[in-house]
Structures are given as structure tokens and as C-alpha cells.
C-alpha atoms as a PDB file:
ATOM      1  CA  UNK A   1      98.449 147.829 152.679  1.00  0.00           C
ATOM      2  CA  UNK A   2      94.784 147.714 151.683  1.00  0.00           C
ATOM      3  CA  UNK A   3      95.227 150.822 149.526  1.00  0.00           C
ATOM      4  CA  UNK A   4      98.206 149.274 147.706  1.00  0.00           C
ATOM      5  CA  UNK A   5      96.118 146.189 146.806  1.00  0.00           C
ATOM      6  CA  UNK A   6      93.296 148.367 145.432  1.00  0.00           C
ATOM      7  CA  UNK A   7      95.814 150.365 143.394  1.00  0.00           C
ATOM      8  CA  UNK A   8      97.175 147.144 141.848  1.00  0.00           C
ATOM      9  CA  UNK A   9      93.663 145.966 140.956  1.00  0.00           C
ATOM     10  CA  UNK A  10      92.797 149.282 139.286  1.00  0.00           C
ATOM     11  CA  UNK A  11      95.967 149.153 137.124  1.00  0.00           C
ATOM     12  CA  UNK A  12      95.159 145.746 135.632  1.00  0.00           C
ATOM     13  CA  UNK A  13      94.144 145.673 131.977  1.00  0.00           C
ATOM     14  CA  UNK A  14      91.614 143.290 130.467  1.00  0.00           C
ATOM     15  CA  UNK A  15      92.520 141.902 127.022  1.00  0.00           C
ATOM     16  CA  UNK A  16      90.081 139.402 125.451  1.00  0.00           C
ATOM     17  CA  UNK A  17      88.886 138.227 128.814  1.00  0.00           C
ATOM     18  CA  UNK A  18      92.408 137.891 130.331  1.00  0.00           C
ATOM     19  CA  UNK A  19      93.663 140.126 133.102  1.00  0.00           C
ATOM     20  CA  UNK A  20      97.196 141.336 132.421  1.00  0.00           C
ATOM     21  CA  UNK A  21      99.518 143.666 134.198  1.00  0.00           C
ATOM     22  CA  UNK A  22     100.118 146.997 132.449  1.00  0.00           C
ATOM     23  CA  UNK A  23     103.653 145.944 131.463  1.00  0.00           C
ATOM     24  CA  UNK A  24     102.165 142.967 129.594  1.00  0.00           C
ATOM     25  CA  UNK A  25      99.498 144.966 127.756  1.00  0.00           C
ATOM     26  CA  UNK A  26      99.781 146.665 124.415  1.00  0.00           C
ATOM     27  CA  UNK A  27     100.647 149.939 126.169  1.00  0.00           C
ATOM     28  CA  UNK A  28     103.704 148.423 127.926  1.00  0.00           C
ATOM     29  CA  UNK A  29     105.833 146.458 125.484  1.00  0.00           C
ATOM     30  CA  UNK A  30     103.584 146.431 122.437  1.00  0.00           C
ATOM     31  CA  UNK A  31     102.594 142.755 122.762  1.00  0.00           C
ATOM     32  CA  UNK A  32      99.081 141.507 123.311  1.00  0.00           C
ATOM     33  CA  UNK A  33      98.280 138.116 124.800  1.00  0.00           C
ATOM     34  CA  UNK A  34      95.626 136.091 122.962  1.00  0.00           C
ATOM     35  CA  UNK A  35      93.350 133.560 124.558  1.00  0.00           C
ATOM     36  CA  UNK A  36      92.532 131.587 121.384  1.00  0.00           C
ATOM     37  CA  UNK A  37      94.397 130.444 118.348  1.00  0.00           C
ATOM     38  CA  UNK A  38      92.738 131.233 115.025  1.00  0.00           C
ATOM     39  CA  UNK A  39      93.425 129.309 111.875  1.00  0.00           C
ATOM     40  CA  UNK A  40      95.454 126.416 113.252  1.00  0.00           C
ATOM     41  CA  UNK A  41      97.860 124.918 110.775  1.00  0.00           C
ATOM     42  CA  UNK A  42      97.068 121.282 110.033  1.00  0.00           C
ATOM     43  CA  UNK A  43     100.464 119.755 109.364  1.00  0.00           C
ATOM     44  CA  UNK A  44      98.958 116.372 108.433  1.00  0.00           C
ATOM     45  CA  UNK A  45      97.305 117.932 105.386  1.00  0.00           C
ATOM     46  CA  UNK A  46     100.655 119.341 104.185  1.00  0.00           C
ATOM     47  CA  UNK A  47     102.673 116.112 104.597  1.00  0.00           C
ATOM     48  CA  UNK A  48     103.566 114.103 101.563  1.00  0.00           C
ATOM     49  CA  UNK A  49     104.719 110.537 102.136  1.00  0.00           C
ATOM     50  CA  UNK A  50     107.533 109.193  99.993  1.00  0.00           C
ATOM     51  CA  UNK A  51     108.727 105.529 100.038  1.00  0.00           C
ATOM     52  CA  UNK A  52     112.497 105.457  99.645  1.00  0.00           C
ATOM     53  CA  UNK A  53     114.544 102.327  98.952  1.00  0.00           C
ATOM     54  CA  UNK A  54     118.195 103.054  99.789  1.00  0.00           C
ATOM     55  CA  UNK A  55     121.105 100.835  98.617  1.00  0.00           C
ATOM     56  CA  UNK A  56     120.885  98.763 101.811  1.00  0.00           C
ATOM     57  CA  UNK A  57     117.534  97.430 100.546  1.00  0.00           C
ATOM     58  CA  UNK A  58     115.432  98.381 103.619  1.00  0.00           C
ATOM     59  CA  UNK A  59     112.427 100.441 102.463  1.00  0.00           C
ATOM     60  CA  UNK A  60     111.683 103.578 104.458  1.00  0.00           C
ATOM     61  CA  UNK A  61     108.508 105.671 104.460  1.00  0.00           C
ATOM     62  CA  UNK A  62     109.402 109.310 105.093  1.00  0.00           C
ATOM     63  CA  UNK A  63     107.378 112.501 105.300  1.00  0.00           C
ATOM     64  CA  UNK A  64     108.123 115.626 103.337  1.00  0.00           C
ATOM     65  CA  UNK A  65     106.579 119.000 102.810  1.00  0.00           C
ATOM     66  CA  UNK A  66     105.161 120.423  99.612  1.00  0.00           C
ATOM     67  CA  UNK A  67     107.589 122.632  97.787  1.00  0.00           C
ATOM     68  CA  UNK A  68     110.872 121.137  99.047  1.00  0.00           C
ATOM     69  CA  UNK A  69     113.281 119.106  96.954  1.00  0.00           C
ATOM     70  CA  UNK A  70     113.502 115.333  97.219  1.00  0.00           C
ATOM     71  CA  UNK A  71     117.138 115.711  98.172  1.00  0.00           C
ATOM     72  CA  UNK A  72     116.219 117.877 101.181  1.00  0.00           C
ATOM     73  CA  UNK A  73     113.671 115.271 102.238  1.00  0.00           C
ATOM     74  CA  UNK A  74     116.160 112.400 101.956  1.00  0.00           C
ATOM     75  CA  UNK A  75     118.910 114.269 103.818  1.00  0.00           C
ATOM     76  CA  UNK A  76     116.619 115.440 106.627  1.00  0.00           C
ATOM     77  CA  UNK A  77     115.532 111.801 107.253  1.00  0.00           C
ATOM     78  CA  UNK A  78     119.147 110.522 107.209  1.00  0.00           C
ATOM     79  CA  UNK A  79     118.614 107.955 104.478  1.00  0.00           C
ATOM     80  CA  UNK A  80     121.871 106.215 103.507  1.00  0.00           C
ATOM     81  CA  UNK A  81     123.299 106.145 100.003  1.00  0.00           C
ATOM     82  CA  UNK A  82     122.995 109.828  99.100  1.00  0.00           C
ATOM     83  CA  UNK A  83     126.271 111.726  98.733  1.00  0.00           C
ATOM     84  CA  UNK A  84     125.498 115.205  97.252  1.00  0.00           C
ATOM     85  CA  UNK A  85     128.821 116.956  97.005  1.00  0.00           C
ATOM     86  CA  UNK A  86     127.312 120.179  95.600  1.00  0.00           C
ATOM     87  CA  UNK A  87     124.498 120.263  98.142  1.00  0.00           C
ATOM     88  CA  UNK A  88     121.834 120.471  95.456  1.00  0.00           C
ATOM     89  CA  UNK A  89     123.326 123.273  93.411  1.00  0.00           C
ATOM     90  CA  UNK A  90     122.893 126.948  94.143  1.00  0.00           C
ATOM     91  CA  UNK A  91     121.600 127.526  97.663  1.00  0.00           C
ATOM     92  CA  UNK A  92     119.680 130.650  96.733  1.00  0.00           C
ATOM     93  CA  UNK A  93     117.792 129.171  93.807  1.00  0.00           C
ATOM     94  CA  UNK A  94     117.029 125.460  93.776  1.00  0.00           C
ATOM     95  CA  UNK A  95     117.304 123.594  90.427  1.00  0.00           C
ATOM     96  CA  UNK A  96     113.573 122.913  90.203  1.00  0.00           C
ATOM     97  CA  UNK A  97     112.783 126.612  90.410  1.00  0.00           C
ATOM     98  CA  UNK A  98     112.670 127.948  86.841  1.00  0.00           C
ATOM     99  CA  UNK A  99     114.288 130.070  85.428  1.00  0.00           C
ATOM    100  CA  UNK A 100     117.753 128.958  86.379  1.00  0.00           C
ATOM    101  CA  UNK A 101     120.941 130.746  85.337  1.00  0.00           C
ATOM    102  CA  UNK A 102     122.697 127.780  83.682  1.00  0.00           C
ATOM    103  CA  UNK A 103     126.161 129.369  84.024  1.00  0.00           C
ATOM    104  CA  UNK A 104     126.123 130.050  87.760  1.00  0.00           C
ATOM    105  CA  UNK A 105     123.422 127.849  89.228  1.00  0.00           C
ATOM    106  CA  UNK A 106     122.179 124.319  89.018  1.00  0.00           C
ATOM    107  CA  UNK A 107     123.509 120.925  89.875  1.00  0.00           C
ATOM    108  CA  UNK A 108     127.199 120.264  89.717  1.00  0.00           C
ATOM    109  CA  UNK A 109     127.899 116.693  90.834  1.00  0.00           C
ATOM    110  CA  UNK A 110     124.970 114.343  89.950  1.00  0.00           C
ATOM    111  CA  UNK A 111     125.682 112.324  93.131  1.00  0.00           C
ATOM    112  CA  UNK A 112     121.998 112.348  94.134  1.00  0.00           C
ATOM    113  CA  UNK A 113     120.593 110.211  91.281  1.00  0.00           C
ATOM    114  CA  UNK A 114     117.449 108.249  92.010  1.00  0.00           C
ATOM    115  CA  UNK A 115     115.216 105.987  89.968  1.00  0.00           C
ATOM    116  CA  UNK A 116     111.507 106.835  89.848  1.00  0.00           C
ATOM    117  CA  UNK A 117     109.117 104.048  88.655  1.00  0.00           C
ATOM    118  CA  UNK A 118     106.720 104.763  85.747  1.00  0.00           C
ATOM    119  CA  UNK A 119     103.491 105.673  87.573  1.00  0.00           C
ATOM    120  CA  UNK A 120     105.229 108.604  89.314  1.00  0.00           C
ATOM    121  CA  UNK A 121     107.859 109.508  86.722  1.00  0.00           C
ATOM    122  CA  UNK A 122     105.277 111.343  84.595  1.00  0.00           C
ATOM    123  CA  UNK A 123     103.923 113.164  87.671  1.00  0.00           C
ATOM    124  CA  UNK A 124     107.313 114.687  88.525  1.00  0.00           C
ATOM    125  CA  UNK A 125     108.219 118.144  87.315  1.00  0.00           C
ATOM    126  CA  UNK A 126     109.791 118.164  83.848  1.00  0.00           C
ATOM    127  CA  UNK A 127     113.412 117.207  83.324  1.00  0.00           C
ATOM    128  CA  UNK A 128     115.568 120.179  82.364  1.00  0.00           C
ATOM    129  CA  UNK A 129     118.421 119.954  79.873  1.00  0.00           C
ATOM    130  CA  UNK A 130     121.163 120.552  82.448  1.00  0.00           C
ATOM    131  CA  UNK A 131     119.787 117.688  84.549  1.00  0.00           C
ATOM    132  CA  UNK A 132     119.985 115.308  81.572  1.00  0.00           C
ATOM    133  CA  UNK A 133     123.501 116.462  80.827  1.00  0.00           C
ATOM    134  CA  UNK A 134     124.625 115.787  84.395  1.00  0.00           C
ATOM    135  CA  UNK A 135     123.026 112.333  84.409  1.00  0.00           C
ATOM    136  CA  UNK A 136     124.741 111.379  81.151  1.00  0.00           C
ATOM    137  CA  UNK A 137     128.163 112.562  82.399  1.00  0.00           C
ATOM    138  CA  UNK A 138     127.847 110.703  85.694  1.00  0.00           C
ATOM    139  CA  UNK A 139     129.765 107.445  86.174  1.00  0.00           C
ATOM    140  CA  UNK A 140     126.877 105.832  88.077  1.00  0.00           C
ATOM    141  CA  UNK A 141     124.445 103.503  86.234  1.00  0.00           C
ATOM    142  CA  UNK A 142     121.796 105.463  84.330  1.00  0.00           C
ATOM    143  CA  UNK A 143     118.309 104.333  83.309  1.00  0.00           C
ATOM    144  CA  UNK A 144     115.486 105.968  81.421  1.00  0.00           C
ATOM    145  CA  UNK A 145     113.719 106.734  84.701  1.00  0.00           C
ATOM    146  CA  UNK A 146     116.771 108.233  86.435  1.00  0.00           C
ATOM    147  CA  UNK A 147     116.419 111.691  87.926  1.00  0.00           C
ATOM    148  CA  UNK A 148     118.442 113.856  90.263  1.00  0.00           C
ATOM    149  CA  UNK A 149     116.836 114.189  93.721  1.00  0.00           C
ATOM    150  CA  UNK A 150     117.771 117.851  93.923  1.00  0.00           C
ATOM    151  CA  UNK A 151     115.744 118.604  90.767  1.00  0.00           C
ATOM    152  CA  UNK A 152     112.516 116.908  91.882  1.00  0.00           C
ATOM    153  CA  UNK A 153     110.066 119.108  93.692  1.00  0.00           C
ATOM    154  CA  UNK A 154     107.912 117.304  96.253  1.00  0.00           C
ATOM    155  CA  UNK A 155     104.237 117.974  95.453  1.00  0.00           C
ATOM    156  CA  UNK A 156     100.903 116.501  96.579  1.00  0.00           C
ATOM    157  CA  UNK A 157     100.664 114.468  93.305  1.00  0.00           C
ATOM    158  CA  UNK A 158     103.746 112.511  94.437  1.00  0.00           C
ATOM    159  CA  UNK A 159     102.125 111.183  97.627  1.00  0.00           C
ATOM    160  CA  UNK A 160     103.163 107.557  98.288  1.00  0.00           C
ATOM    161  CA  UNK A 161     105.731 107.700  95.463  1.00  0.00           C
ATOM    162  CA  UNK A 162     108.450 105.045  95.390  1.00  0.00           C
ATOM    163  CA  UNK A 163     111.976 106.337  94.965  1.00  0.00           C
ATOM    164  CA  UNK A 164     114.951 103.991  94.621  1.00  0.00           C
ATOM    165  CA  UNK A 165     118.307 105.529  95.560  1.00  0.00           C
ATOM    166  CA  UNK A 166     120.873 104.272  93.071  1.00  0.00           C
ATOM    167  CA  UNK A 167     124.563 103.531  93.472  1.00  0.00           C
ATOM    168  CA  UNK A 168     125.883 107.051  93.631  1.00  0.00           C
ATOM    169  CA  UNK A 169     129.429 106.055  94.595  1.00  0.00           C
ATOM    170  CA  UNK A 170     130.544 103.470  92.041  1.00  0.00           C
ATOM    171  CA  UNK A 171     134.206 103.740  92.924  1.00  0.00           C
ATOM    172  CA  UNK A 172     133.696 103.471  96.685  1.00  0.00           C
ATOM    173  CA  UNK A 173     132.914  99.743  96.743  1.00  0.00           C
ATOM    174  CA  UNK A 174     129.256 100.150  97.683  1.00  0.00           C
ATOM    175  CA  UNK A 175     126.949  98.057  95.553  1.00  0.00           C
ATOM    176  CA  UNK A 176     123.263  98.546  94.736  1.00  0.00           C
ATOM    177  CA  UNK A 177     121.267  95.629  96.116  1.00  0.00           C
ATOM    178  CA  UNK A 178     118.628  95.716  93.340  1.00  0.00           C
ATOM    179  CA  UNK A 179     115.608  95.847  95.628  1.00  0.00           C
ATOM    180  CA  UNK A 180     112.381  95.592  93.662  1.00  0.00           C
ATOM    181  CA  UNK A 181     109.912  98.463  94.388  1.00  0.00           C
ATOM    182  CA  UNK A 182     107.159  95.835  94.855  1.00  0.00           C
ATOM    183  CA  UNK A 183     108.542  95.270  98.358  1.00  0.00           C
ATOM    184  CA  UNK A 184     106.080  97.860  99.701  1.00  0.00           C
END
């Protein structure tokens, strides 16, 4: 019994100060255990806060990540009043990623229209021609600051932006409450 215990001790492998069995070492399965984590990801630095006012009038402060669309952020946080039938256009290439093939990609329904107040409207990525066309053809009310949520890319410049979700279903009987963005 004593010899078996000595044999087990001699077969142990030391990796970065940790004792591992041979099956756990790099020779066994190809994986190595690490004792420290290098370069931790700081999620708080990557979060972008967006203030969303849905049609029910209750403002919500939601967190998003840089590089995603405003539509993805609103859907992930289950904010009411958004009914994107096309799901934000082509799933392989989002509308805010240029170039876009205008014949096979892009928005199709314009059911995700939002109103962005002036301080942040200029900071959003530029409005493309197909987005303007969809907004003009939509039955929902349209203003000069209207944009489609699927075409807005969330970026650090938009931190603390106010976004008012419009009445995207005019024929459904839901009415926009007209909440003023100064409610924040």
C-alpha cells in the first residue's frame, strides 16, 4: 500500500504551482489548468446606457453593448411597443453595417421606428436612403427625428441617450401617450 501511494505522488504534474493528475495535464487531454486570470474583461466599461420611453409612458434605463443595434437592445430588455416583423432585416448583415445589398438586405417593415431627440440625433450613425424610404412609406406618424431602431448602432457616444418608441401599430388600437423626454 505504501508503494502505491509513492507511485501516485511521483506521477503528479505541477502546472503553475498547482498539482494535477497526469490525465488533467497537457500530456493527458491537452488542457492546462491556470491559477490566475489575465486580462479580465471589465463589462462595466463596455456598457452603454440608453433611456427608453415606450408607449406606456414609463421610462426605462437599459444597458446595451457597443456594436449592437438599438433594436436588439430593446428586444433583449423586453420593452413594450416594438413589433419588428422583419426582425431587423437580413440576419447575416445588419442594416447599420455598410455596404448593404439594397436588393436582398435591409429593413423590410419599418415597425421599429423610434424618435431620437436633437442632442443625440446628430451623434447617431448616418441615415441611409433605404431607411428614409421605409420611414416615409410607413403608416405610423413620422417626424424629422424619426429613425429605425434596427439601423441605429449603439456606440459609446450614445451613452445616456433618450429614445422614444413611437406608435408602431397604428391600426391595432394602441395609442402613443406623448411622454415628454424631460421625464428623466
